[in-house]
Every structure is written in C-alpha cells, then in structure tokens.
Amino acid sequence: MADFGGDIDLEDFRAEARAWIEANFPPALKGKGYLATAEVSTTHAELKAWRDAIGAKGWSTPTWPAEYGGGGLSVPQARALAQEMAKLGAFNPMMFGMGVTMIGPTILDFGTPEQKAKHIPPIVRGDVQWCVGYSEPNAGSDLASLQMKAEDAGDHWVINGQKTWTSGAQYSQWCGALVRTDPTVKKHDGISFMLIDMTQDAIETRPIALIAGASPFCETFFTNARAEKNALLGQLNVGWTVGKRLLQHERASQTGTAGGGRTVPLSEVAKRYVEVTADGKIADTDLRTRLTRHMMDARIHNLTLARVAAESKEANGATNGASVLKNSATVVSQTRAELTLEIMGHQGLGWEGEAFTTEEIETVRGWLSGKAMSIYGGSVEIQNNIISKRILGLPDATGSA
C-alpha cells in the first residue's frame, strides 16, 4: 500500500506550499511552462529568479534527500506540492532537464558518496545542464552495439567516438555516457557508464535542425576527450545495468504529469476559440465528446502513474511499468496536440508574425516536435516489446522465453 500520510499533516503542508508559491512564483510566468528550456533558463530574468528560488528551497527535486539539497518530501507531499503549483499556474522550471529526470536519479542509485556530494546539489539548484550520450550512428535501437571507447590512461580515461541525437548537448556542462571499455567480451558486458565534463575543446557539438524550428538534438564528437578516474558511475564493464536504470527513470519522467502550469485544460482553450452555448458548454457535440474522451484517457494515465509509483516504491526503484506509462503518455500528449490545433482553427497554423500569439506559435511548434515522442526514450515498438516480454510474459520474436 502506498503511504499517503495523515490528512491533517498533508493539509498543513498544502497551506505551507501554497503560501510559499504565492510569495515566490512570478505572476508573469503563470501558464508559461513552455519557457522552461535550457535556451532561456538563464537569460529570462523572471524565470531565472523562479529557478533560483525553487532550487534553493529544494522543491525542484521534492523527494530527493535533503542532505544533497533536495526537498526531502514524502511522495504524498510532493504530489500535493505539484497540485498546488498547478492550481496557481506555476511549474517546476527544472522538471524537464536531464539532470533532474535522468542523471540525478541514476547518480543517487549508483553513485559514491563523493559523486553524490559533487553532482547532486548543482542539479537541484539548476546550476548545471546535463545531456545523455547513448545513441550512435550505428547503435540506435541496438544500443549495445555502441563503439565509442574509453581507454585507461593511468590516472584518467581517454574517450574517442561519436554520439548522435544528444539532446541539449550544446547547452550542457556534463554528459552521462555509455562507453566501451572492453571490446574483447560480448557487447553488453564491455560497457561502462562515465560522467564526462563537456567543457573541453576535445568535445564538439553540432545541432541538428528539426522541422519544429528548434535544434534540441546534436551530433557530438569526442576526440581524445578526458574523463577523470572517478568519473566511472557504477562498476567497470557493468555500465549496461546503469544505462538500463537511467532509461527506466527517463521513461518514468516522460509521463506528462509533472508539468504544473505547463498546460491549460483543453476545455478552457476550446472556450476561447469555438462557440459555446448559453450555459457555457462547447456547442460542437462531436468535439465535446472527443475532448471528454481525451480527458478520460489523461485521467486514466494519471491513475496508472499513481499505481506504478506505489509499486515502484515497494520494489525500491523504477519498474517495467514505466514502459506502459511512456506509451500512454505519448498517446495523451499527441492527442492533446492534435485537438488543440483543431480547436484553434486557422490560428492553429501560425509559424511567426503578429497575427498569432506566442501561445499559438508554441502550440504549432510543440505539435511538430511532439511527433518525436513516439521515438525518443525508446520507440513505441520497443516499449511494446518490453511490455509483452517483461510484464505479460509473452515469448520474444524468436519464440524463446
């Protein structure tokens, strides 16, 4: 059973959280969670002030240990905090960074006390950006075929090779990467996980332009790059275990439930663009039906998230249920994007210009970039394979168990 805490204590915490948010969240940012990107997090004055405040409080990572700067909250308290933020149109400005969603949790799982003390507090405060070095030109879905190598140079590691689709690499100071440290053994066994300083001339990033107009992905080249001996996360040549754990954290983070003020209810968006009846209902009954179905799917997804979170707590970590959530989040997110464009009509076709609001332009670009959600973090097909084999116990494609 999940521990939801005492109602009275939780209500007291809600009041405390609400008061703190009202005192610290800039009203001008209400409902503008789309600003929480690496590109603007340090240049937008109000966003930076909010990031600094929530980072100092530890509520950017509400359930992380207080000894490393985290909030030290229980899961029920963290859920209550997210709910109060949503009510006030606030959002967690760091919730979608890879340091918070992937690298930090993995360091907490596998890191030494020294690694945790060095890396976790800056992640909590939002002082550093992290990227993840996984895919390579010839190692995508078959990630274990990766060839980027790290060679032992005595007092440090020398790294050579290429990563691709490295999200946010051009903004990052650190990279958590899978590298090959023993080419003589079968491919899964010769891989290690390294924490690599990106601020060196031996690493080059080349942004990849996408249809949505932004370049969140990069080609990243390592030419005699250096990593210190203590950069190894987990055991030597056992990095595949660390890497799988990070992917579980990634998939758990891609559930579309932690955005707070990042999104406005679609029913409210619809009432700004389409005809409503005298009693305030959306006049188009077909649209109203599809919106209701979408809201039901989103609610089912959130309930499933709560159940998986409780199971994960009992299992002392992420579970294969993250694959279910990854796919359901993809459906909910992409359906919302399609419905939003339909609701906006011709205003949902804006790319630039004064005829369109910032929200309308961001909606169009978000719809385009959201198409990649079916692929990144493990494609829908890969998640279905995980679900069929590890949850349903079905045989794999070769017929073996």
Protein backbone atom coordinates (compact mmCIF):
# COMPACT_ATOMS: atom_id res chain seq x y z
CA MET A 1 0.00 0.00 0.00
CA ALA A 2 1.22 3.49 -0.77
CA ASP A 3 1.84 5.73 2.23
CA PHE A 4 -0.35 8.79 1.79
CA GLY A 5 0.39 10.28 5.19
CA GLY A 6 -2.03 11.83 7.66
CA ASP A 7 -4.70 14.09 6.21
CA ILE A 8 -4.17 16.84 8.77
CA ASP A 9 -0.39 16.97 8.25
CA LEU A 10 -0.85 16.91 4.50
CA GLU A 11 -3.35 19.76 4.62
CA ASP A 12 -0.93 21.78 6.74
CA PHE A 13 1.76 21.13 4.15
CA ARG A 14 -0.61 22.19 1.35
CA ALA A 15 -1.15 25.51 3.08
CA GLU A 16 2.59 25.98 3.57
CA ALA A 17 3.30 25.11 -0.06
CA ARG A 18 0.56 27.40 -1.38
CA ALA A 19 1.83 30.33 0.69
CA TRP A 20 5.41 29.78 -0.46
CA ILE A 21 4.43 29.54 -4.13
CA GLU A 22 2.32 32.70 -3.92
CA ALA A 23 5.26 34.53 -2.37
CA ASN A 24 7.90 33.32 -4.84
CA PHE A 25 6.34 32.44 -8.20
CA PRO A 26 6.36 35.44 -10.59
CA PRO A 27 2.76 36.04 -11.74
CA ALA A 28 4.03 36.93 -15.22
CA LEU A 29 5.08 33.30 -15.68
CA LYS A 30 1.63 31.86 -14.99
CA GLY A 31 0.81 29.15 -17.50
CA LYS A 32 4.11 29.66 -19.35
CA GLY A 33 5.83 26.39 -18.57
CA TYR A 34 6.92 26.18 -22.20
CA LEU A 35 9.63 28.72 -21.28
CA ALA A 36 11.37 26.14 -19.08
CA THR A 37 14.05 25.21 -21.60
CA ALA A 38 17.82 25.28 -21.49
CA GLU A 39 17.90 28.06 -24.06
CA VAL A 40 16.10 30.63 -21.87
CA SER A 41 16.57 29.37 -18.32
CA THR A 42 19.50 31.70 -17.61
CA THR A 43 18.53 34.70 -19.75
CA HIS A 44 14.88 35.25 -18.83
CA ALA A 45 15.04 37.34 -15.63
CA GLU A 46 11.79 36.18 -14.02
CA LEU A 47 12.36 32.56 -14.98
CA LYS A 48 15.87 32.72 -13.51
CA ALA A 49 14.52 34.21 -10.28
CA TRP A 50 11.93 31.44 -10.01
CA ARG A 51 14.54 28.78 -10.80
CA ASP A 52 16.87 30.17 -8.11
CA ALA A 53 14.07 30.29 -5.52
CA ILE A 54 12.74 26.78 -6.07
CA GLY A 55 16.27 25.40 -6.34
CA ALA A 56 17.29 26.93 -3.02
CA LYS A 57 14.12 25.53 -1.43
CA GLY A 58 14.90 22.07 -2.80
CA TRP A 59 11.45 21.73 -4.33
CA SER A 60 12.85 21.43 -7.85
CA THR A 61 13.54 17.84 -6.75
CA PRO A 62 10.98 17.48 -3.96
CA THR A 63 11.63 13.84 -3.00
CA TRP A 64 15.43 13.89 -3.27
CA PRO A 65 17.42 13.66 0.01
CA ALA A 66 17.69 16.94 1.91
CA GLU A 67 21.38 16.23 2.62
CA TYR A 68 22.09 16.87 -1.08
CA GLY A 69 19.85 19.92 -1.36
CA GLY A 70 16.64 18.13 -2.30
CA GLY A 71 13.27 18.78 -0.72
CA GLY A 72 13.23 15.64 1.41
CA LEU A 73 9.46 15.41 0.95
CA SER A 74 7.35 12.28 1.04
CA VAL A 75 5.62 11.15 -2.16
CA PRO A 76 2.22 12.41 -0.90
CA GLN A 77 3.75 15.79 -0.05
CA ALA A 78 5.40 16.01 -3.48
CA ARG A 79 2.06 15.18 -5.11
CA ALA A 80 0.34 17.86 -3.03
CA LEU A 81 3.05 20.37 -4.00
CA ALA A 82 2.51 19.63 -7.70
CA GLN A 83 -1.24 20.04 -7.27
CA GLU A 84 -0.87 23.39 -5.53
CA MET A 85 1.51 24.59 -8.21
CA ALA A 86 -0.97 23.59 -10.90
CA LYS A 87 -3.78 25.47 -9.15
CA LEU A 88 -1.69 28.65 -9.19
CA GLY A 89 -0.48 28.21 -12.78
CA ALA A 90 3.07 27.57 -11.55
CA PHE A 91 5.51 24.98 -12.88
CA ASN A 92 8.78 23.36 -11.94
CA PRO A 93 11.37 25.07 -14.17
CA MET A 94 13.83 22.17 -13.86
CA MET A 95 11.49 19.20 -14.08
CA PHE A 96 12.26 18.56 -17.73
CA GLY A 97 16.04 18.85 -17.56
CA MET A 98 18.02 15.64 -17.94
CA GLY A 99 19.92 16.29 -14.73
CA VAL A 100 16.67 16.11 -12.77
CA THR A 101 14.84 13.45 -14.76
CA MET A 102 17.64 11.01 -15.63
CA ILE A 103 21.21 11.64 -14.49
CA GLY A 104 20.46 12.77 -10.94
CA PRO A 105 18.27 9.79 -10.04
CA THR A 106 20.86 7.43 -11.55
CA ILE A 107 23.68 9.03 -9.54
CA LEU A 108 21.53 8.63 -6.43
CA ASP A 109 21.13 4.94 -7.33
CA PHE A 110 24.75 4.10 -8.21
CA GLY A 111 26.98 6.99 -7.19
CA THR A 112 29.59 7.05 -4.47
CA PRO A 113 29.07 9.50 -1.60
CA GLU A 114 31.67 11.76 -3.24
CA GLN A 115 29.88 11.67 -6.60
CA LYS A 116 26.55 12.48 -4.97
CA ALA A 117 28.03 15.37 -2.99
CA LYS A 118 29.70 16.78 -6.12
CA HIS A 119 26.91 16.45 -8.67
CA ILE A 120 23.51 16.38 -6.94
CA PRO A 121 23.41 19.86 -5.31
CA PRO A 122 24.19 21.73 -8.58
CA ILE A 123 21.47 19.72 -10.34
CA VAL A 124 18.95 20.65 -7.65
CA ARG A 125 19.83 24.34 -7.94
CA GLY A 126 19.78 24.28 -11.73
CA ASP A 127 23.37 25.47 -11.88
CA VAL A 128 24.39 22.88 -14.50
CA GLN A 129 22.86 21.29 -17.57
CA TRP A 130 23.32 17.60 -18.32
CA CYS A 131 22.96 15.58 -21.52
CA VAL A 132 22.94 11.83 -22.10
CA GLY A 133 25.33 10.14 -24.55
CA TYR A 134 23.65 6.93 -25.71
CA SER A 135 22.79 6.56 -29.42
CA GLU A 136 25.49 6.43 -32.08
CA PRO A 137 25.27 6.43 -35.90
CA ASN A 138 25.35 2.61 -35.91
CA ALA A 139 23.87 1.99 -32.47
CA GLY A 140 20.33 3.24 -32.08
CA SER A 141 17.71 0.68 -31.12
CA ASP A 142 20.56 -1.84 -30.83
CA LEU A 143 22.31 0.38 -28.32
CA ALA A 144 24.61 -2.37 -27.07
CA SER A 145 26.44 -2.17 -30.42
CA LEU A 146 27.94 1.18 -29.39
CA GLN A 147 31.58 1.76 -30.29
CA MET A 148 32.63 4.98 -28.52
CA LYS A 149 35.53 3.83 -26.41
CA ALA A 150 37.17 4.87 -23.17
CA GLU A 151 40.77 3.73 -22.73
CA ASP A 152 42.62 3.58 -19.43
CA ALA A 153 45.47 6.14 -19.49
CA GLY A 154 46.64 5.53 -15.95
CA ASP A 155 45.35 8.49 -13.99
CA HIS A 156 42.42 9.23 -16.36
CA TRP A 157 40.33 7.89 -19.25
CA VAL A 158 40.75 8.88 -22.90
CA ILE A 159 37.49 8.92 -24.85
CA ASN A 160 37.07 8.73 -28.62
CA GLY A 161 33.96 8.33 -30.73
CA GLN A 162 30.65 9.89 -31.67
CA LYS A 163 27.18 10.16 -30.16
CA THR A 164 24.10 11.34 -32.02
CA TRP A 165 20.66 12.68 -31.07
CA THR A 166 22.35 14.04 -27.92
CA SER A 167 19.58 16.25 -26.55
CA GLY A 168 20.79 19.62 -25.25
CA ALA A 169 24.47 18.82 -25.71
CA GLN A 170 25.18 22.35 -26.96
CA TYR A 171 23.97 23.78 -23.62
CA SER A 172 25.39 21.13 -21.29
CA GLN A 173 28.34 21.24 -18.95
CA TRP A 174 28.22 17.49 -18.20
CA CYS A 175 27.32 14.30 -20.05
CA GLY A 176 26.39 10.88 -18.73
CA ALA A 177 27.57 8.49 -21.43
CA LEU A 178 27.78 4.80 -22.18
CA VAL A 179 31.24 3.90 -23.48
CA ARG A 180 33.00 0.69 -24.45
CA THR A 181 35.78 -0.17 -22.02
CA ASP A 182 36.39 -3.80 -23.05
CA PRO A 183 35.99 -4.69 -26.75
CA THR A 184 37.04 -8.33 -26.19
CA VAL A 185 33.85 -9.53 -24.47
CA LYS A 186 30.28 -9.85 -25.71
CA LYS A 187 28.79 -6.48 -26.39
CA HIS A 188 26.64 -6.00 -23.27
CA ASP A 189 29.50 -6.90 -20.91
CA GLY A 190 32.18 -4.47 -22.08
CA ILE A 191 30.23 -1.24 -21.49
CA SER A 192 30.75 1.31 -18.69
CA PHE A 193 28.94 4.48 -17.67
CA MET A 194 31.02 7.67 -17.48
CA LEU A 195 30.34 11.18 -16.15
CA ILE A 196 32.14 13.41 -18.66
CA ASP A 197 32.97 17.11 -18.37
CA MET A 198 31.66 18.73 -21.57
CA THR A 199 33.64 21.97 -21.12
CA GLN A 200 36.74 20.81 -23.01
CA ASP A 201 37.95 21.56 -26.52
CA ALA A 202 38.14 17.84 -27.29
CA ILE A 203 34.33 17.67 -27.46
CA GLU A 204 32.41 19.23 -30.36
CA THR A 205 28.63 19.52 -30.64
CA ARG A 206 26.74 20.10 -33.90
CA PRO A 207 23.00 20.86 -33.52
CA ILE A 208 20.63 19.00 -35.84
CA ALA A 209 17.89 21.23 -37.29
CA LEU A 210 14.38 19.80 -36.94
CA ILE A 211 11.05 20.57 -38.61
CA ALA A 212 9.75 22.35 -35.49
CA GLY A 213 12.39 25.06 -35.92
CA ALA A 214 14.45 24.26 -32.83
CA SER A 215 17.60 22.14 -32.57
CA PRO A 216 17.36 20.19 -29.32
CA PHE A 217 19.39 17.28 -30.71
CA CYS A 218 23.08 17.20 -31.57
CA GLU A 219 25.82 15.17 -33.13
CA THR A 220 28.58 15.06 -30.52
CA PHE A 221 32.20 14.21 -31.30
CA PHE A 222 34.80 13.13 -28.75
CA THR A 223 38.44 13.33 -29.91
CA ASN A 224 40.87 12.32 -27.15
CA ALA A 225 38.47 13.73 -24.58
CA ARG A 226 39.37 13.29 -20.94
CA ALA A 227 37.42 11.81 -18.04
CA GLU A 228 38.84 11.52 -14.57
CA LYS A 229 39.26 8.09 -12.99
CA ASN A 230 36.46 8.84 -10.54
CA ALA A 231 34.11 9.55 -13.47
CA LEU A 232 33.06 5.90 -13.60
CA LEU A 233 29.47 5.53 -12.35
CA GLY A 234 28.92 2.03 -11.05
CA GLN A 235 31.32 -0.81 -11.74
CA LEU A 236 33.74 -1.11 -14.65
CA ASN A 237 32.19 -3.02 -17.56
CA VAL A 238 28.82 -3.20 -15.80
CA GLY A 239 27.54 0.03 -17.32
CA TRP A 240 24.69 -1.71 -19.16
CA THR A 241 22.95 -2.15 -15.80
CA VAL A 242 23.40 1.54 -15.01
CA GLY A 243 22.26 2.50 -18.51
CA LYS A 244 19.06 0.46 -18.27
CA ARG A 245 18.27 2.04 -14.94
CA LEU A 246 18.64 5.52 -16.44
CA LEU A 247 16.22 4.56 -19.22
CA GLN A 248 13.68 3.49 -16.62
CA HIS A 249 13.99 6.91 -15.00
CA GLU A 250 13.68 8.58 -18.41
CA ARG A 251 10.53 6.69 -19.32
CA ALA A 252 9.03 7.40 -15.91
CA SER A 253 9.71 11.12 -16.44
CA GLN A 254 8.03 11.19 -19.87
CA THR A 255 4.53 10.78 -18.47
CA GLY A 256 3.27 14.33 -18.93
CA THR A 257 2.08 14.60 -15.33
CA ALA A 258 4.62 16.83 -13.65
CA GLY A 259 4.15 19.96 -15.67
CA GLY A 260 2.14 22.01 -13.21
CA GLY A 261 1.26 25.21 -15.06
CA ARG A 262 2.86 23.93 -18.25
CA THR A 263 -0.57 23.25 -19.79
CA VAL A 264 -4.02 24.82 -19.63
CA PRO A 265 -7.06 22.47 -19.58
CA LEU A 266 -8.25 21.90 -23.14
CA SER A 267 -11.81 22.75 -22.18
CA GLU A 268 -10.61 26.26 -21.28
CA VAL A 269 -8.64 26.56 -24.52
CA ALA A 270 -11.69 25.46 -26.50
CA LYS A 271 -13.95 28.10 -24.96
CA ARG A 272 -11.59 30.81 -26.23
CA TYR A 273 -11.85 29.66 -29.85
CA VAL A 274 -15.12 27.82 -30.51
CA GLU A 275 -18.81 28.55 -30.00
CA VAL A 276 -20.30 27.86 -26.57
CA THR A 277 -23.92 27.52 -25.53
CA ALA A 278 -25.74 29.86 -23.17
CA ASP A 279 -24.90 27.61 -20.23
CA GLY A 280 -21.18 27.60 -21.11
CA LYS A 281 -20.92 24.22 -22.86
CA ILE A 282 -18.96 23.68 -26.08
CA ALA A 283 -21.61 23.80 -28.78
CA ASP A 284 -19.99 21.21 -31.10
CA THR A 285 -21.17 17.92 -29.58
CA ASP A 286 -18.63 15.84 -31.53
CA LEU A 287 -15.75 17.99 -30.32
CA ARG A 288 -17.16 17.88 -26.79
CA THR A 289 -17.27 14.07 -26.96
CA ARG A 290 -13.69 13.80 -28.16
CA LEU A 291 -12.47 16.25 -25.54
CA THR A 292 -14.23 14.20 -22.87
CA ARG A 293 -12.64 11.01 -24.16
CA HIS A 294 -9.23 12.69 -24.09
CA MET A 295 -9.78 13.91 -20.52
CA MET A 296 -10.75 10.38 -19.51
CA ASP A 297 -7.61 8.97 -21.12
CA ALA A 298 -5.48 11.58 -19.31
CA ARG A 299 -7.16 10.74 -16.02
CA ILE A 300 -6.62 7.00 -16.56
CA HIS A 301 -2.98 7.74 -17.32
CA ASN A 302 -2.59 9.72 -14.09
CA LEU A 303 -4.21 6.95 -12.04
CA THR A 304 -1.89 4.42 -13.66
CA LEU A 305 1.03 6.68 -12.81
CA ALA A 306 0.00 6.70 -9.14
CA ARG A 307 -0.28 2.90 -9.14
CA VAL A 308 3.11 2.41 -10.82
CA ALA A 309 4.69 4.91 -8.41
CA ALA A 310 3.34 2.91 -5.46
CA GLU A 311 4.62 -0.35 -6.98
CA SER A 312 7.98 1.27 -7.67
CA LYS A 313 8.24 2.36 -4.04
CA GLU A 314 7.56 -1.18 -2.84
CA ALA A 315 10.10 -2.54 -5.36
CA ASN A 316 12.64 0.10 -4.23
CA GLY A 317 13.01 1.56 -7.71
CA ALA A 318 11.59 2.05 -11.18
CA THR A 319 9.66 -0.87 -12.68
CA ASN A 320 8.78 -2.07 -16.16
CA GLY A 321 5.52 -0.19 -15.69
CA ALA A 322 7.46 2.84 -16.95
CA SER A 323 7.11 1.39 -20.45
CA VAL A 324 3.31 1.36 -20.09
CA LEU A 325 3.40 4.98 -18.93
CA LYS A 326 5.74 6.03 -21.75
CA ASN A 327 3.28 4.77 -24.37
CA SER A 328 0.17 6.09 -22.66
CA ALA A 329 1.82 9.49 -22.16
CA THR A 330 2.68 9.57 -25.86
CA VAL A 331 -0.93 8.93 -26.84
CA VAL A 332 -2.28 11.53 -24.40
CA SER A 333 0.26 14.18 -25.41
CA GLN A 334 -0.07 13.73 -29.16
CA THR A 335 -3.88 13.59 -28.98
CA ARG A 336 -3.92 16.81 -27.00
CA ALA A 337 -1.71 18.50 -29.60
CA GLU A 338 -3.97 17.41 -32.47
CA LEU A 339 -7.12 18.54 -30.66
CA THR A 340 -5.56 21.89 -29.77
CA LEU A 341 -4.72 22.67 -33.40
CA GLU A 342 -8.24 21.69 -34.46
CA ILE A 343 -9.76 23.92 -31.77
CA MET A 344 -7.63 26.91 -32.79
CA GLY A 345 -8.69 26.60 -36.43
CA HIS A 346 -6.71 28.91 -38.72
CA GLN A 347 -4.97 30.35 -35.63
CA GLY A 348 -3.51 26.89 -35.17
CA LEU A 349 -1.49 27.27 -38.36
CA GLY A 350 0.79 30.06 -37.15
CA TRP A 351 4.52 29.87 -37.53
CA GLU A 352 5.50 33.50 -36.98
CA GLY A 353 4.14 37.02 -37.23
CA GLU A 354 1.96 39.44 -35.26
CA ALA A 355 -1.26 37.71 -36.37
CA PHE A 356 -0.51 34.88 -33.93
CA THR A 357 0.05 34.89 -30.17
CA THR A 358 3.13 33.33 -28.60
CA GLU A 359 0.95 30.54 -27.26
CA GLU A 360 -0.42 29.78 -30.74
CA ILE A 361 3.05 29.68 -32.29
CA GLU A 362 4.37 27.48 -29.47
CA THR A 363 1.38 25.16 -29.95
CA VAL A 364 2.18 24.62 -33.62
CA ARG A 365 5.86 24.02 -32.96
CA GLY A 366 5.04 21.80 -30.00
CA TRP A 367 2.72 19.71 -32.18
CA LEU A 368 5.56 19.18 -34.66
CA SER A 369 8.23 18.40 -32.07
CA GLY A 370 5.82 16.09 -30.23
CA LYS A 371 5.85 13.71 -33.18
CA ALA A 372 9.28 12.57 -31.97
CA MET A 373 7.80 11.41 -28.64
CA SER A 374 6.91 8.11 -30.32
CA ILE A 375 10.63 7.54 -30.92
CA TYR A 376 12.85 9.11 -28.26
CA GLY A 377 13.37 7.43 -24.93
CA GLY A 378 12.73 4.10 -26.64
CA SER A 379 10.24 3.86 -29.50
CA VAL A 380 6.63 2.71 -29.09
CA GLU A 381 7.61 -0.62 -30.63
CA ILE A 382 10.45 -1.11 -28.13
CA GLN A 383 8.13 -0.32 -25.23
CA ASN A 384 5.58 -2.80 -26.57
CA ASN A 385 8.29 -5.47 -26.70
CA ILE A 386 9.23 -4.73 -23.07
CA ILE A 387 5.59 -4.87 -22.01
CA SER A 388 4.94 -8.13 -23.85
CA LYS A 389 8.03 -9.92 -22.52
CA ARG A 390 8.63 -8.48 -19.05
CA ILE A 391 5.08 -7.74 -17.92
CA LEU A 392 2.84 -10.12 -19.88
CA GLY A 393 5.42 -12.94 -20.04
CA LEU A 394 4.94 -13.49 -23.78
CA PRO A 395 7.69 -15.14 -25.87
CA ASP A 396 10.00 -12.96 -27.92
CA ALA A 397 10.12 -12.90 -31.73
CA THR A 398 12.35 -15.99 -31.87
CA GLY A 399 9.90 -18.00 -29.82
CA SER A 400 12.18 -18.27 -26.76
CA ALA A 401 11.00 -17.22 -23.31
